[in-house]
C-alpha atoms as a PDB file:
ATOM      1  CA  UNK A   1      77.259  32.357-113.311  1.00  0.00           C
ATOM      2  CA  UNK A   2      75.341  34.222-109.933  1.00  0.00           C
ATOM      3  CA  UNK A   3      75.572  37.921-109.966  1.00  0.00           C
ATOM      4  CA  UNK A   4      77.653  37.972-106.503  1.00  0.00           C
ATOM      5  CA  UNK A   5      80.540  35.304-108.712  1.00  0.00           C
ATOM      6  CA  UNK A   6      80.364  38.288-111.367  1.00  0.00           C
ATOM      7  CA  UNK A   7      81.088  40.895-108.710  1.00  0.00           C
ATOM      8  CA  UNK A   8      83.672  38.597-107.030  1.00  0.00           C
ATOM      9  CA  UNK A   9      85.753  37.592-110.263  1.00  0.00           C
ATOM     10  CA  UNK A  10      85.645  41.621-111.526  1.00  0.00           C
ATOM     11  CA  UNK A  11      86.736  42.522-108.043  1.00  0.00           C
ATOM     12  CA  UNK A  12      89.765  40.021-107.913  1.00  0.00           C
ATOM     13  CA  UNK A  13      90.956  40.503-111.716  1.00  0.00           C
ATOM     14  CA  UNK A  14      90.854  44.794-110.764  1.00  0.00           C
ATOM     15  CA  UNK A  15      93.151  43.774-107.686  1.00  0.00           C
ATOM     16  CA  UNK A  16      95.856  42.254-109.195  1.00  0.00           C
ATOM     17  CA  UNK A  17      95.191  44.379-112.365  1.00  0.00           C
ATOM     18  CA  UNK A  18      94.324  41.229-114.997  1.00  0.00           C
ATOM     19  CA  UNK A  19      91.471  42.495-116.015  1.00  0.00           C
ATOM     20  CA  UNK A  20      90.913  43.652-119.790  1.00  0.00           C
ATOM     21  CA  UNK A  21      89.616  46.991-120.552  1.00  0.00           C
ATOM     22  CA  UNK A  22      86.746  45.192-122.339  1.00  0.00           C
ATOM     23  CA  UNK A  23      85.804  43.122-119.337  1.00  0.00           C
ATOM     24  CA  UNK A  24      86.415  45.852-117.022  1.00  0.00           C
ATOM     25  CA  UNK A  25      83.927  48.138-119.032  1.00  0.00           C
ATOM     26  CA  UNK A  26      81.282  45.563-119.245  1.00  0.00           C
ATOM     27  CA  UNK A  27      81.287  44.985-115.425  1.00  0.00           C
ATOM     28  CA  UNK A  28      80.509  49.200-115.127  1.00  0.00           C
ATOM     29  CA  UNK A  29      77.747  48.559-117.840  1.00  0.00           C
ATOM     30  CA  UNK A  30      76.361  45.615-116.246  1.00  0.00           C
ATOM     31  CA  UNK A  31      77.212  45.698-112.487  1.00  0.00           C
ATOM     32  CA  UNK A  32      76.473  48.392-109.958  1.00  0.00           C
ATOM     33  CA  UNK A  33      79.410  50.706-108.936  1.00  0.00           C
ATOM     34  CA  UNK A  34      78.206  51.465-105.654  1.00  0.00           C
ATOM     35  CA  UNK A  35      77.932  47.308-104.874  1.00  0.00           C
ATOM     36  CA  UNK A  36      81.349  47.233-106.663  1.00  0.00           C
ATOM     37  CA  UNK A  37      82.898  49.974-104.371  1.00  0.00           C
ATOM     38  CA  UNK A  38      81.085  48.668-101.115  1.00  0.00           C
ATOM     39  CA  UNK A  39      82.699  44.603-101.787  1.00  0.00           C
ATOM     40  CA  UNK A  40      85.859  46.228-102.913  1.00  0.00           C
ATOM     41  CA  UNK A  41      86.805  47.360 -99.791  1.00  0.00           C
ATOM     42  CA  UNK A  42      85.570  44.786 -97.957  1.00  0.00           C
ATOM     43  CA  UNK A  43      87.618  42.150 -99.849  1.00  0.00           C
ATOM     44  CA  UNK A  44      90.687  44.854 -99.472  1.00  0.00           C
ATOM     45  CA  UNK A  45      90.383  44.996 -95.409  1.00  0.00           C
ATOM     46  CA  UNK A  46      89.843  40.996 -95.297  1.00  0.00           C
ATOM     47  CA  UNK A  47      92.982  41.189 -97.565  1.00  0.00           C
ATOM     48  CA  UNK A  48      94.748  42.966 -95.411  1.00  0.00           C
ATOM     49  CA  UNK A  49      94.003  40.986 -92.406  1.00  0.00           C
ATOM     50  CA  UNK A  50      94.765  37.637 -93.662  1.00  0.00           C
ATOM     51  CA  UNK A  51      98.262  39.068 -94.473  1.00  0.00           C
ATOM     52  CA  UNK A  52      98.748  40.512 -91.355  1.00  0.00           C
ATOM     53  CA  UNK A  53      97.410  37.253 -89.531  1.00  0.00           C
ATOM     54  CA  UNK A  54      99.933  34.873 -91.588  1.00  0.00           C
ATOM     55  CA  UNK A  55     102.546  37.581 -91.249  1.00  0.00           C
ATOM     56  CA  UNK A  56     101.733  36.932 -87.067  1.00  0.00           C
ATOM     57  CA  UNK A  57     101.936  33.630 -87.238  1.00  0.00           C
ATOM     58  CA  UNK A  58     105.253  33.380 -88.884  1.00  0.00           C
ATOM     59  CA  UNK A  59     107.023  36.125 -87.191  1.00  0.00           C
ATOM     60  CA  UNK A  60     105.463  34.896 -83.746  1.00  0.00           C
END
């Protein structure tokens, strides 16, 4: 699995609360915390924008 996919998988698992403690520890040892925070912020903003977009389509 590529490094980008490791970041994405780790962040998605953390966002939805399905990441095991051992996997979380492994991710923090292998992956850059700065990169995790930056990508998590971007993914969270993208998720919020997607939700707003879908809600506007449904009610509009």
